[in-house]
């Protein structure tokens, strides 16, 4: 019985306190402050998210520029290597042709010398 009376009086005090707060507009002001603070928190979070997004975008753009620069450098290097390969191949073929011409010239000299020796006899 005493416990029930204690609980009833406690509930009654809480209700009276709530009623007094409500009548003095304290709850209205508290709710108003809570809304303002919640709004400020949401706006700050949105601004932080937007700044984070902007920094991410700029970092990604810088990284993409670096990737493009690397790709262009590699492509230029490959093209230069292909040009050098073609030039080296052409030089090797030219060297083979010149060697064949030298051999041919030596053979012609030898044939000429042989023909001259035969005429001399």
PDB file of N, CA and C in Angstrom:
ATOM      1  N   UNK A   1       0.805  -1.187   0.000  1.00  0.00           N
ATOM      2  CA  UNK A   1       0.000   0.000   0.000  1.00  0.00           C
ATOM      3  C   UNK A   1       0.852   1.257   0.000  1.00  0.00           C
ATOM      4  N   UNK A   2       1.921   1.240   0.805  1.00  0.00           N
ATOM      5  CA  UNK A   2       2.789   2.416   0.863  1.00  0.00           C
ATOM      6  C   UNK A   2       3.513   2.607  -0.462  1.00  0.00           C
ATOM      7  N   UNK A   3       3.894   1.498  -1.070  1.00  0.00           N
ATOM      8  CA  UNK A   3       4.604   1.556  -2.355  1.00  0.00           C
ATOM      9  C   UNK A   3       3.686   2.151  -3.419  1.00  0.00           C
ATOM     10  N   UNK A   4       2.442   1.724  -3.449  1.00  0.00           N
ATOM     11  CA  UNK A   4       1.489   2.237  -4.428  1.00  0.00           C
ATOM     12  C   UNK A   4       1.257   3.733  -4.227  1.00  0.00           C
ATOM     13  N   UNK A   5       1.155   4.145  -2.956  1.00  0.00           N
ATOM     14  CA  UNK A   5       0.952   5.559  -2.669  1.00  0.00           C
ATOM     15  C   UNK A   5       2.162   6.372  -3.133  1.00  0.00           C
ATOM     16  N   UNK A   6       3.364   5.822  -2.920  1.00  0.00           N
ATOM     17  CA  UNK A   6       4.598   6.497  -3.348  1.00  0.00           C
ATOM     18  C   UNK A   6       4.612   6.645  -4.864  1.00  0.00           C
ATOM     19  N   UNK A   7       4.283   5.553  -5.573  1.00  0.00           N
ATOM     20  CA  UNK A   7       4.272   5.597  -7.041  1.00  0.00           C
ATOM     21  C   UNK A   7       3.213   6.570  -7.558  1.00  0.00           C
ATOM     22  N   UNK A   8       2.043   6.573  -6.923  1.00  0.00           N
ATOM     23  CA  UNK A   8       0.993   7.510  -7.343  1.00  0.00           C
ATOM     24  C   UNK A   8       1.421   8.954  -7.136  1.00  0.00           C
ATOM     25  N   UNK A   9       2.000   9.251  -5.977  1.00  0.00           N
ATOM     26  CA  UNK A   9       2.421  10.632  -5.712  1.00  0.00           C
ATOM     27  C   UNK A   9       3.553  11.044  -6.648  1.00  0.00           C
ATOM     28  N   UNK A  10       4.453  10.099  -6.967  1.00  0.00           N
ATOM     29  CA  UNK A  10       5.554  10.406  -7.900  1.00  0.00           C
ATOM     30  C   UNK A  10       4.996  10.717  -9.292  1.00  0.00           C
ATOM     31  N   UNK A  11       4.044   9.922  -9.740  1.00  0.00           N
ATOM     32  CA  UNK A  11       3.428  10.153 -11.048  1.00  0.00           C
ATOM     33  C   UNK A  11       2.675  11.483 -11.051  1.00  0.00           C
ATOM     34  N   UNK A  12       2.005  11.780  -9.955  1.00  0.00           N
ATOM     35  CA  UNK A  12       1.281  13.044  -9.859  1.00  0.00           C
ATOM     36  C   UNK A  12       2.232  14.232  -9.916  1.00  0.00           C
ATOM     37  N   UNK A  13       3.379  14.138  -9.218  1.00  0.00           N
ATOM     38  CA  UNK A  13       4.374  15.215  -9.247  1.00  0.00           C
ATOM     39  C   UNK A  13       4.928  15.414 -10.660  1.00  0.00           C
ATOM     40  N   UNK A  14       5.180  14.322 -11.316  1.00  0.00           N
ATOM     41  CA  UNK A  14       5.714  14.410 -12.689  1.00  0.00           C
ATOM     42  C   UNK A  14       4.702  15.094 -13.598  1.00  0.00           C
ATOM     43  N   UNK A  15       3.437  14.713 -13.476  1.00  0.00           N
ATOM     44  CA  UNK A  15       2.390  15.329 -14.309  1.00  0.00           C
ATOM     45  C   UNK A  15       2.246  16.818 -13.991  1.00  0.00           C
ATOM     46  N   UNK A  16       2.304  17.175 -12.726  1.00  0.00           N
ATOM     47  CA  UNK A  16       2.191  18.583 -12.350  1.00  0.00           C
ATOM     48  C   UNK A  16       3.386  19.374 -12.878  1.00  0.00           C
ATOM     49  N   UNK A  17       4.580  18.793 -12.760  1.00  0.00           N
ATOM     50  CA  UNK A  17       5.780  19.452 -13.294  1.00  0.00           C
ATOM     51  C   UNK A  17       5.689  19.651 -14.793  1.00  0.00           C
ATOM     52  N   UNK A  18       5.214  18.616 -15.484  1.00  0.00           N
ATOM     53  CA  UNK A  18       5.055  18.720 -16.940  1.00  0.00           C
ATOM     54  C   UNK A  18       4.039  19.800 -17.286  1.00  0.00           C
ATOM     55  N   UNK A  19       2.932  19.838 -16.533  1.00  0.00           N
ATOM     56  CA  UNK A  19       1.891  20.849 -16.768  1.00  0.00           C
ATOM     57  C   UNK A  19       2.448  22.241 -16.547  1.00  0.00           C
ATOM     58  N   UNK A  20       3.224  22.423 -15.464  1.00  0.00           N
ATOM     59  CA  UNK A  20       3.804  23.743 -15.180  1.00  0.00           C
ATOM     60  C   UNK A  20       4.774  24.167 -16.287  1.00  0.00           C
ATOM     61  N   UNK A  21       5.612  23.222 -16.755  1.00  0.00           N
ATOM     62  CA  UNK A  21       6.534  23.527 -17.857  1.00  0.00           C
ATOM     63  C   UNK A  21       5.751  23.922 -19.115  1.00  0.00           C
ATOM     64  N   UNK A  22       4.686  23.200 -19.367  1.00  0.00           N
ATOM     65  CA  UNK A  22       3.876  23.475 -20.545  1.00  0.00           C
ATOM     66  C   UNK A  22       3.226  24.849 -20.440  1.00  0.00           C
ATOM     67  N   UNK A  23       2.716  25.179 -19.230  1.00  0.00           N
ATOM     68  CA  UNK A  23       2.052  26.470 -19.052  1.00  0.00           C
ATOM     69  C   UNK A  23       3.030  27.629 -19.150  1.00  0.00           C
ATOM     70  N   UNK A  24       4.258  27.430 -18.734  1.00  0.00           N
ATOM     71  CA  UNK A  24       5.243  28.525 -18.790  1.00  0.00           C
ATOM     72  C   UNK A  24       5.959  28.584 -20.149  1.00  0.00           C
ATOM     73  N   UNK A  25       5.527  27.821 -21.117  1.00  0.00           N
ATOM     74  CA  UNK A  25       6.110  27.769 -22.473  1.00  0.00           C
ATOM     75  C   UNK A  25       7.570  27.319 -22.480  1.00  0.00           C
ATOM     76  N   UNK A  26       7.992  26.671 -21.410  1.00  0.00           N
ATOM     77  CA  UNK A  26       9.371  26.186 -21.367  1.00  0.00           C
ATOM     78  C   UNK A  26       9.554  25.056 -22.365  1.00  0.00           C
ATOM     79  N   UNK A  27       8.560  24.199 -22.451  1.00  0.00           N
ATOM     80  CA  UNK A  27       8.665  23.082 -23.407  1.00  0.00           C
ATOM     81  C   UNK A  27       8.700  23.589 -24.838  1.00  0.00           C
ATOM     82  N   UNK A  28       7.876  24.599 -25.102  1.00  0.00           N
ATOM     83  CA  UNK A  28       7.839  25.159 -26.454  1.00  0.00           C
ATOM     84  C   UNK A  28       9.199  25.748 -26.826  1.00  0.00           C
ATOM     85  N   UNK A  29       9.808  26.473 -25.874  1.00  0.00           N
ATOM     86  CA  UNK A  29      11.120  27.057 -26.144  1.00  0.00           C
ATOM     87  C   UNK A  29      12.188  25.976 -26.280  1.00  0.00           C
ATOM     88  N   UNK A  30      12.096  24.962 -25.437  1.00  0.00           N
ATOM     89  CA  UNK A  30      13.068  23.864 -25.509  1.00  0.00           C
ATOM     90  C   UNK A  30      12.951  23.140 -26.839  1.00  0.00           C
ATOM     91  N   UNK A  31      11.710  22.876 -27.257  1.00  0.00           N
ATOM     92  CA  UNK A  31      11.504  22.216 -28.545  1.00  0.00           C
ATOM     93  C   UNK A  31      12.011  23.091 -29.678  1.00  0.00           C
ATOM     94  N   UNK A  32      11.772  24.382 -29.543  1.00  0.00           N
ATOM     95  CA  UNK A  32      12.247  25.328 -30.545  1.00  0.00           C
ATOM     96  C   UNK A  32      13.775  25.313 -30.628  1.00  0.00           C
ATOM     97  N   UNK A  33      14.438  25.362 -29.483  1.00  0.00           N
ATOM     98  CA  UNK A  33      15.907  25.295 -29.457  1.00  0.00           C
ATOM     99  C   UNK A  33      16.409  23.970 -30.024  1.00  0.00           C
ATOM    100  N   UNK A  34      15.705  22.900 -29.671  1.00  0.00           N
ATOM    101  CA  UNK A  34      16.115  21.589 -30.177  1.00  0.00           C
ATOM    102  C   UNK A  34      16.021  21.555 -31.697  1.00  0.00           C
ATOM    103  N   UNK A  35      14.930  22.103 -32.246  1.00  0.00           N
ATOM    104  CA  UNK A  35      14.777  22.151 -33.702  1.00  0.00           C
ATOM    105  C   UNK A  35      15.897  22.965 -34.342  1.00  0.00           C
ATOM    106  N   UNK A  36      16.205  24.124 -33.770  1.00  0.00           N
ATOM    107  CA  UNK A  36      17.270  24.957 -34.316  1.00  0.00           C
ATOM    108  C   UNK A  36      18.608  24.234 -34.268  1.00  0.00           C
ATOM    109  N   UNK A  37      18.899  23.617 -33.133  1.00  0.00           N
ATOM    110  CA  UNK A  37      20.173  22.896 -33.007  1.00  0.00           C
ATOM    111  C   UNK A  37      20.236  21.705 -33.953  1.00  0.00           C
ATOM    112  N   UNK A  38      19.117  20.997 -34.067  1.00  0.00           N
ATOM    113  CA  UNK A  38      19.083  19.853 -34.983  1.00  0.00           C
ATOM    114  C   UNK A  38      19.277  20.329 -36.423  1.00  0.00           C
ATOM    115  N   UNK A  39      18.640  21.451 -36.768  1.00  0.00           N
ATOM    116  CA  UNK A  39      18.790  22.010 -38.120  1.00  0.00           C
ATOM    117  C   UNK A  39      20.244  22.406 -38.374  1.00  0.00           C
ATOM    118  N   UNK A  40      20.861  23.068 -37.385  1.00  0.00           N
ATOM    119  CA  UNK A  40      22.270  23.454 -37.535  1.00  0.00           C
ATOM    120  C   UNK A  40      23.159  22.234 -37.722  1.00  0.00           C
ATOM    121  N   UNK A  41      22.890  21.181 -36.940  1.00  0.00           N
ATOM    122  CA  UNK A  41      23.679  19.951 -37.072  1.00  0.00           C
ATOM    123  C   UNK A  41      23.528  19.341 -38.462  1.00  0.00           C
ATOM    124  N   UNK A  42      22.300  19.328 -38.953  1.00  0.00           N
ATOM    125  CA  UNK A  42      22.055  18.755 -40.286  1.00  0.00           C
ATOM    126  C   UNK A  42      22.758  19.592 -41.350  1.00  0.00           C
ATOM    127  N   UNK A  43      22.674  20.914 -41.230  1.00  0.00           N
ATOM    128  CA  UNK A  43      23.313  21.793 -42.213  1.00  0.00           C
ATOM    129  C   UNK A  43      24.828  21.622 -42.169  1.00  0.00           C
ATOM    130  N   UNK A  44      25.397  21.541 -40.960  1.00  0.00           N
ATOM    131  CA  UNK A  44      26.847  21.331 -40.844  1.00  0.00           C
ATOM    132  C   UNK A  44      27.254  20.002 -41.463  1.00  0.00           C
ATOM    133  N   UNK A  45      26.464  18.967 -41.218  1.00  0.00           N
ATOM    134  CA  UNK A  45      26.771  17.655 -41.806  1.00  0.00           C
ATOM    135  C   UNK A  45      26.696  17.713 -43.324  1.00  0.00           C
ATOM    136  N   UNK A  46      25.691  18.416 -43.851  1.00  0.00           N
ATOM    137  CA  UNK A  46      25.572  18.544 -45.308  1.00  0.00           C
ATOM    138  C   UNK A  46      26.753  19.314 -45.885  1.00  0.00           C
ATOM    139  N   UNK A  47      27.161  20.394 -45.217  1.00  0.00           N
ATOM    140  CA  UNK A  47      28.309  21.165 -45.695  1.00  0.00           C
ATOM    141  C   UNK A  47      29.571  20.323 -45.654  1.00  0.00           C
ATOM    142  N   UNK A  48      29.741  19.555 -44.585  1.00  0.00           N
ATOM    143  CA  UNK A  48      30.914  18.682 -44.490  1.00  0.00           C
ATOM    144  C   UNK A  48      30.907  17.647 -45.608  1.00  0.00           C
ATOM    145  N   UNK A  49      29.726  17.068 -45.854  1.00  0.00           N
ATOM    146  CA  UNK A  49      29.608  16.074 -46.922  1.00  0.00           C
ATOM    147  C   UNK A  49      29.911  16.705 -48.275  1.00  0.00           C
ATOM    148  N   UNK A  50      29.426  17.916 -48.496  1.00  0.00           N
ATOM    149  CA  UNK A  50      29.676  18.599 -49.767  1.00  0.00           C
ATOM    150  C   UNK A  50      31.163  18.911 -49.937  1.00  0.00           C
ATOM    151  N   UNK A  51      31.805  19.395 -48.871  1.00  0.00           N
ATOM    152  CA  UNK A  51      33.243  19.664 -48.951  1.00  0.00           C
ATOM    153  C   UNK A  51      34.020  18.381 -49.210  1.00  0.00           C
ATOM    154  N   UNK A  52      33.615  17.315 -48.536  1.00  0.00           N
ATOM    155  CA  UNK A  52      34.274  16.024 -48.739  1.00  0.00           C
ATOM    156  C   UNK A  52      34.101  15.573 -50.186  1.00  0.00           C
ATOM    157  N   UNK A  53      32.910  15.742 -50.733  1.00  0.00           N
ATOM    158  CA  UNK A  53      32.648  15.386 -52.124  1.00  0.00           C
ATOM    159  C   UNK A  53      33.505  16.212 -53.072  1.00  0.00           C
ATOM    160  N   UNK A  54      33.590  17.520 -52.810  1.00  0.00           N
ATOM    161  CA  UNK A  54      34.377  18.403 -53.684  1.00  0.00           C
ATOM    162  C   UNK A  54      35.856  18.031 -53.645  1.00  0.00           C
ATOM    163  N   UNK A  55      36.383  17.761 -52.455  1.00  0.00           N
ATOM    164  CA  UNK A  55      37.794  17.365 -52.375  1.00  0.00           C
ATOM    165  C   UNK A  55      38.020  16.027 -53.067  1.00  0.00           C
ATOM    166  N   UNK A  56      37.060  15.119 -52.930  1.00  0.00           N
ATOM    167  CA  UNK A  56      37.182  13.826 -53.608  1.00  0.00           C
ATOM    168  C   UNK A  56      37.199  14.014 -55.114  1.00  0.00           C
ATOM    169  N   UNK A  57      36.319  14.878 -55.607  1.00  0.00           N
ATOM    170  CA  UNK A  57      36.256  15.126 -57.061  1.00  0.00           C
ATOM    171  C   UNK A  57      37.567  15.733 -57.556  1.00  0.00           C
ATOM    172  N   UNK A  58      38.098  16.716 -56.828  1.00  0.00           N
ATOM    173  CA  UNK A  58      39.353  17.333 -57.268  1.00  0.00           C
ATOM    174  C   UNK A  58      40.507  16.329 -57.225  1.00  0.00           C
ATOM    175  N   UNK A  59      40.532  15.486 -56.192  1.00  0.00           N
ATOM    176  CA  UNK A  59      41.580  14.463 -56.116  1.00  0.00           C
ATOM    177  C   UNK A  59      41.460  13.474 -57.272  1.00  0.00           C
ATOM    178  N   UNK A  60      40.228  13.080 -57.581  1.00  0.00           N
ATOM    179  CA  UNK A  60      40.033  12.150 -58.684  1.00  0.00           C
ATOM    180  C   UNK A  60      40.410  12.780 -60.020  1.00  0.00           C
ATOM    181  N   UNK A  61      40.099  14.061 -60.191  1.00  0.00           N
ATOM    182  CA  UNK A  61      40.482  14.731 -61.434  1.00  0.00           C
ATOM    183  C   UNK A  61      41.998  14.816 -61.566  1.00  0.00           C
ATOM    184  N   UNK A  62      42.673  15.141 -60.460  1.00  0.00           N
ATOM    185  CA  UNK A  62      44.135  15.206 -60.499  1.00  0.00           C
ATOM    186  C   UNK A  62      44.712  13.825 -60.808  1.00  0.00           C
ATOM    187  N   UNK A  63      44.141  12.793 -60.203  1.00  0.00           N
ATOM    188  CA  UNK A  63      44.619  11.437 -60.457  1.00  0.00           C
ATOM    189  C   UNK A  63      44.372  11.050 -61.911  1.00  0.00           C
ATOM    190  N   UNK A  64      43.221  11.450 -62.456  1.00  0.00           N
ATOM    191  CA  UNK A  64      42.920  11.137 -63.856  1.00  0.00           C
ATOM    192  C   UNK A  64      43.886  11.849 -64.797  1.00  0.00           C
ATOM    193  N   UNK A  65      44.234  13.104 -64.473  1.00  0.00           N
ATOM    194  CA  UNK A  65      45.221  13.823 -65.287  1.00  0.00           C
ATOM    195  C   UNK A  65      46.562  13.102 -65.250  1.00  0.00           C
ATOM    196  N   UNK A  66      46.953  12.637 -64.073  1.00  0.00           N
ATOM    197  CA  UNK A  66      48.221  11.914 -63.943  1.00  0.00           C
ATOM    198  C   UNK A  66      48.179  10.616 -64.742  1.00  0.00           C
ATOM    199  N   UNK A  67      47.041   9.921 -64.695  1.00  0.00           N
ATOM    200  CA  UNK A  67      46.905   8.671 -65.456  1.00  0.00           C
ATOM    201  C   UNK A  67      46.998   8.958 -66.952  1.00  0.00           C
ATOM    202  N   UNK A  68      46.316  10.024 -67.412  1.00  0.00           N
ATOM    203  CA  UNK A  68      46.370  10.382 -68.830  1.00  0.00           C
ATOM    204  C   UNK A  68      47.795  10.742 -69.250  1.00  0.00           C
ATOM    205  N   UNK A  69      48.495  11.486 -68.390  1.00  0.00           N
ATOM    206  CA  UNK A  69      49.871  11.865 -68.688  1.00  0.00           C
ATOM    207  C   UNK A  69      50.744  10.620 -68.801  1.00  0.00           C
ATOM    208  N   UNK A  70      50.558   9.675 -67.886  1.00  0.00           N
ATOM    209  CA  UNK A  70      51.328   8.433 -67.930  1.00  0.00           C
ATOM    210  C   UNK A  70      51.013   7.644 -69.194  1.00  0.00           C
ATOM    211  N   UNK A  71      49.717   7.598 -69.564  1.00  0.00           N
ATOM    212  CA  UNK A  71      49.330   6.883 -70.786  1.00  0.00           C
ATOM    213  C   UNK A  71      49.990   7.511 -72.022  1.00  0.00           C
ATOM    214  N   UNK A  72      49.963   8.845 -72.088  1.00  0.00           N
ATOM    215  CA  UNK A  72      50.564   9.527 -73.238  1.00  0.00           C
ATOM    216  C   UNK A  72      52.075   9.279 -73.277  1.00  0.00           C
ATOM    217  N   UNK A  73      52.713   9.307 -72.113  1.00  0.00           N
ATOM    218  CA  UNK A  73      54.147   9.055 -72.064  1.00  0.00           C
ATOM    219  C   UNK A  73      54.460   7.646 -72.554  1.00  0.00           C
ATOM    220  N   UNK A  74      53.669   6.666 -72.074  1.00  0.00           N
ATOM    221  CA  UNK A  74      53.881   5.278 -72.509  1.00  0.00           C
ATOM    222  C   UNK A  74      53.646   5.127 -74.001  1.00  0.00           C
ATOM    223  N   UNK A  75      52.576   5.752 -74.501  1.00  0.00           N
ATOM    224  CA  UNK A  75      52.266   5.645 -75.930  1.00  0.00           C
ATOM    225  C   UNK A  75      53.385   6.249 -76.767  1.00  0.00           C
ATOM    226  N   UNK A  76      53.887   7.403 -76.343  1.00  0.00           N
ATOM    227  CA  UNK A  76      54.993   8.032 -77.069  1.00  0.00           C
ATOM    228  C   UNK A  76      56.220   7.142 -77.043  1.00  0.00           C
ATOM    229  N   UNK A  77      56.490   6.536 -75.891  1.00  0.00           N
ATOM    230  CA  UNK A  77      57.641   5.644 -75.765  1.00  0.00           C
ATOM    231  C   UNK A  77      57.503   4.438 -76.698  1.00  0.00           C
ATOM    232  N   UNK A  78      56.293   3.872 -76.766  1.00  0.00           N
ATOM    233  CA  UNK A  78      56.056   2.727 -77.650  1.00  0.00           C
ATOM    234  C   UNK A  78      56.233   3.130 -79.111  1.00  0.00           C
ATOM    235  N   UNK A  79      55.702   4.306 -79.474  1.00  0.00           N
ATOM    236  CA  UNK A  79      55.853   4.769 -80.853  1.00  0.00           C
ATOM    237  C   UNK A  79      57.327   4.994 -81.205  1.00  0.00           C
ATOM    238  N   UNK A  80      58.067   5.597 -80.264  1.00  0.00           N
ATOM    239  CA  UNK A  80      59.496   5.809 -80.503  1.00  0.00           C
ATOM    240  C   UNK A  80      60.227   4.478 -80.636  1.00  0.00           C
ATOM    241  N   UNK A  81      59.849   3.510 -79.802  1.00  0.00           N
ATOM    242  CA  UNK A  81      60.484   2.190 -79.890  1.00  0.00           C
ATOM    243  C   UNK A  81      60.188   1.541 -81.236  1.00  0.00           C
ATOM    244  N   UNK A  82      58.932   1.683 -81.699  1.00  0.00           N
ATOM    245  CA  UNK A  82      58.587   1.115 -83.006  1.00  0.00           C
ATOM    246  C   UNK A  82      59.371   1.792 -84.129  1.00  0.00           C
ATOM    247  N   UNK A  83      59.525   3.123 -84.045  1.00  0.00           N
ATOM    248  CA  UNK A  83      60.312   3.833 -85.067  1.00  0.00           C
ATOM    249  C   UNK A  83      61.757   3.340 -85.057  1.00  0.00           C
ATOM    250  N   UNK A  84      62.322   3.219 -83.852  1.00  0.00           N
ATOM    251  CA  UNK A  84      63.709   2.755 -83.755  1.00  0.00           C
ATOM    252  C   UNK A  84      63.841   1.319 -84.262  1.00  0.00           C
ATOM    253  N   UNK A  85      62.828   0.489 -83.983  1.00  0.00           N
ATOM    254  CA  UNK A  85      62.861  -0.894 -84.452  1.00  0.00           C
ATOM    255  C   UNK A  85      62.851  -0.938 -85.985  1.00  0.00           C
ATOM    256  N   UNK A  86      61.977  -0.097 -86.590  1.00  0.00           N
ATOM    257  CA  UNK A  86      61.928  -0.037 -88.061  1.00  0.00           C
ATOM    258  C   UNK A  86      63.256   0.464 -88.628  1.00  0.00           C
ATOM    259  N   UNK A  87      63.820   1.488 -87.975  1.00  0.00           N
ATOM    260  CA  UNK A  87      65.094   2.032 -88.458  1.00  0.00           C
ATOM    261  C   UNK A  87      66.201   0.987 -88.327  1.00  0.00           C
ATOM    262  N   UNK A  88      66.230   0.267 -87.211  1.00  0.00           N
ATOM    263  CA  UNK A  88      67.256  -0.773 -87.026  1.00  0.00           C
ATOM    264  C   UNK A  88      67.088  -1.894 -88.037  1.00  0.00           C
ATOM    265  N   UNK A  89      65.839  -2.284 -88.300  1.00  0.00           N
ATOM    266  CA  UNK A  89      65.583  -3.328 -89.294  1.00  0.00           C
ATOM    267  C   UNK A  89      66.050  -2.862 -90.676  1.00  0.00           C
ATOM    268  N   UNK A  90      65.728  -1.620 -91.022  1.00  0.00           N
ATOM    269  CA  UNK A  90      66.153  -1.081 -92.327  1.00  0.00           C
ATOM    270  C   UNK A  90      67.676  -1.004 -92.401  1.00  0.00           C
ATOM    271  N   UNK A  91      68.322  -0.623 -91.300  1.00  0.00           N
ATOM    272  CA  UNK A  91      69.788  -0.544 -91.290  1.00  0.00           C
ATOM    273  C   UNK A  91      70.392  -1.939 -91.463  1.00  0.00           C
ATOM    274  N   UNK A  92      69.815  -2.939 -90.811  1.00  0.00           N
ATOM    275  CA  UNK A  92      70.326  -4.313 -90.968  1.00  0.00           C
ATOM    276  C   UNK A  92      70.182  -4.791 -92.408  1.00  0.00           C
ATOM    277  N   UNK A  93      69.016  -4.503 -93.013  1.00  0.00           N
ATOM    278  CA  UNK A  93      68.813  -4.898 -94.416  1.00  0.00           C
ATOM    279  C   UNK A  93      69.800  -4.181 -95.332  1.00  0.00           C
ATOM    280  N   UNK A  94      70.018  -2.873 -95.053  1.00  0.00           N
ATOM    281  CA  UNK A  94      70.957  -2.119 -95.855  1.00  0.00           C
ATOM    282  C   UNK A  94      72.372  -2.701 -95.708  1.00  0.00           C
ATOM    283  N   UNK A  95      72.727  -3.082 -94.488  1.00  0.00           N
ATOM    284  CA  UNK A  95      74.054  -3.666 -94.269  1.00  0.00           C
ATOM    285  C   UNK A  95      74.197  -4.984 -95.026  1.00  0.00           C
ATOM    286  N   UNK A  96      73.146  -5.797 -95.037  1.00  0.00           N
ATOM    287  CA  UNK A  96      73.181  -7.059 -95.781  1.00  0.00           C
ATOM    288  C   UNK A  96      73.358  -6.805 -97.272  1.00  0.00           C
ATOM    289  N   UNK A  97      72.614  -5.820 -97.799  1.00  0.00           N
ATOM    290  CA  UNK A  97      72.699  -5.488 -99.228  1.00  0.00           C
ATOM    291  C   UNK A  97      74.092  -4.984 -99.576  1.00  0.00           C
ATOM    292  N   UNK A  98      74.638  -4.091 -98.716  1.00  0.00           N
ATOM    293  CA  UNK A  98      75.989  -3.580 -98.972  1.00  0.00           C
ATOM    294  C   UNK A  98      77.025  -4.691 -98.935  1.00  0.00           C
ATOM    295  N   UNK A  99      76.861  -5.629 -98.003  1.00  0.00           N
ATOM    296  CA  UNK A  99      77.790  -6.760 -97.929  1.00  0.00           C
ATOM    297  C   UNK A  99      77.701  -7.598 -99.203  1.00  0.00           C
ATOM    298  N   UNK A 100      76.449  -7.830 -99.655  1.00  0.00           N
ATOM    299  CA  UNK A 100      76.268  -8.600-100.893  1.00  0.00           C
ATOM    300  C   UNK A 100      76.889  -7.861-102.073  1.00  0.00           C
ATOM    301  N   UNK A 101      76.739  -6.531-102.117  1.00  0.00           N
ATOM    302  CA  UNK A 101      77.346  -5.758-103.209  1.00  0.00           C
ATOM    303  C   UNK A 101      78.869  -5.808-103.150  1.00  0.00           C
ATOM    304  N   UNK A 102      79.428  -5.733-101.918  1.00  0.00           N
ATOM    305  CA  UNK A 102      80.899  -5.843-101.797  1.00  0.00           C
ATOM    306  C   UNK A 102      81.394  -7.206-102.287  1.00  0.00           C
ATOM    307  N   UNK A 103      80.664  -8.236-101.898  1.00  0.00           N
ATOM    308  CA  UNK A 103      81.045  -9.587-102.343  1.00  0.00           C
ATOM    309  C   UNK A 103      80.956  -9.672-103.861  1.00  0.00           C
ATOM    310  N   UNK A 104      79.899  -9.112-104.422  1.00  0.00           N
ATOM    311  CA  UNK A 104      79.710  -9.130-105.870  1.00  0.00           C
ATOM    312  C   UNK A 104      80.843  -8.371-106.559  1.00  0.00           C
ATOM    313  N   UNK A 105      81.224  -7.203-105.991  1.00  0.00           N
ATOM    314  CA  UNK A 105      82.307  -6.415-106.566  1.00  0.00           C
ATOM    315  C   UNK A 105      83.627  -7.180-106.515  1.00  0.00           C
ATOM    316  N   UNK A 106      83.873  -7.855-105.396  1.00  0.00           N
ATOM    317  CA  UNK A 106      85.111  -8.646-105.280  1.00  0.00           C
ATOM    318  C   UNK A 106      85.126  -9.775-106.308  1.00  0.00           C
ATOM    319  N   UNK A 107      83.968 -10.413-106.473  1.00  0.00           N
ATOM    320  CA  UNK A 107      83.887 -11.498-107.466  1.00  0.00           C
ATOM    321  C   UNK A 107      84.128 -10.945-108.866  1.00  0.00           C
ATOM    322  N   UNK A 108      83.529  -9.769-109.162  1.00  0.00           N
ATOM    323  CA  UNK A 108      83.737  -9.158-110.481  1.00  0.00           C
ATOM    324  C   UNK A 108      85.214  -8.800-110.693  1.00  0.00           C
ATOM    325  N   UNK A 109      85.875  -8.282-109.645  1.00  0.00           N
ATOM    326  CA  UNK A 109      87.304  -7.961-109.755  1.00  0.00           C
ATOM    327  C   UNK A 109      88.117  -9.215-110.043  1.00  0.00           C
ATOM    328  N   UNK A 110      87.767 -10.275-109.303  1.00  0.00           N
ATOM    329  CA  UNK A 110      88.496 -11.534-109.515  1.00  0.00           C
ATOM    330  C   UNK A 110      88.256 -12.067-110.930  1.00  0.00           C
ATOM    331  N   UNK A 111      86.998 -11.992-111.397  1.00  0.00           N
ATOM    332  CA  UNK A 111      86.691 -12.452-112.765  1.00  0.00           C
ATOM    333  C   UNK A 111      87.424 -11.600-113.797  1.00  0.00           C
ATOM    334  N   UNK A 112      87.489 -10.298-113.559  1.00  0.00           N
ATOM    335  CA  UNK A 112      88.177  -9.396-114.475  1.00  0.00           C
ATOM    336  C   UNK A 112      89.681  -9.707-114.501  1.00  0.00           C
ATOM    337  N   UNK A 113      90.193  -9.909-113.293  1.00  0.00           N
ATOM    338  CA  UNK A 113      91.628 -10.255-113.230  1.00  0.00           C
ATOM    339  C   UNK A 113      91.899 -11.577-113.942  1.00  0.00           C
ATOM    340  N   UNK A 114      91.016 -12.557-113.774  1.00  0.00           N
ATOM    341  CA  UNK A 114      91.175 -13.840-114.440  1.00  0.00           C
ATOM    342  C   UNK A 114      91.070 -13.693-115.931  1.00  0.00           C
ATOM    343  N   UNK A 115      90.113 -12.872-116.393  1.00  0.00           N
ATOM    344  CA  UNK A 115      89.939 -12.656-117.814  1.00  0.00           C
ATOM    345  C   UNK A 115      91.176 -11.942-118.396  1.00  0.00           C
ATOM    346  N   UNK A 116      91.726 -10.994-117.676  1.00  0.00           N
ATOM    347  CA  UNK A 116      92.919 -10.282-118.136  1.00  0.00           C
ATOM    348  C   UNK A 116      94.110 -11.225-118.208  1.00  0.00           C
ATOM    349  N   UNK A 117      94.241 -12.134-117.246  1.00  0.00           N
ATOM    350  CA  UNK A 117      95.351 -13.098-117.275  1.00  0.00           C
ATOM    351  C   UNK A 117      95.187 -14.061-118.434  1.00  0.00           C
ATOM    352  N   UNK A 118      93.974 -14.419-118.777  1.00  0.00           N
ATOM    353  CA  UNK A 118      93.739 -15.347-119.903  1.00  0.00           C
ATOM    354  C   UNK A 118      94.065 -14.655-121.231  1.00  0.00           C
ATOM    355  N   UNK A 119      93.746 -13.354-121.312  1.00  0.00           N
ATOM    356  CA  UNK A 119      94.037 -12.635-122.543  1.00  0.00           C
ATOM    357  C   UNK A 119      95.547 -12.440-122.692  1.00  0.00           C
ATOM    358  N   UNK A 120      96.188 -12.281-121.575  1.00  0.00           N
ATOM    359  CA  UNK A 120      97.622 -12.052-121.602  1.00  0.00           C
ATOM    360  C   UNK A 120      98.333 -13.304-122.073  1.00  0.00           C
ATOM    361  N   UNK A 121      97.794 -14.429-121.880  1.00  0.00           N
ATOM    362  CA  UNK A 121      98.467 -15.666-122.305  1.00  0.00           C
ATOM    363  C   UNK A 121      98.320 -15.867-123.742  1.00  0.00           C
TER     364      UNK A 121
END
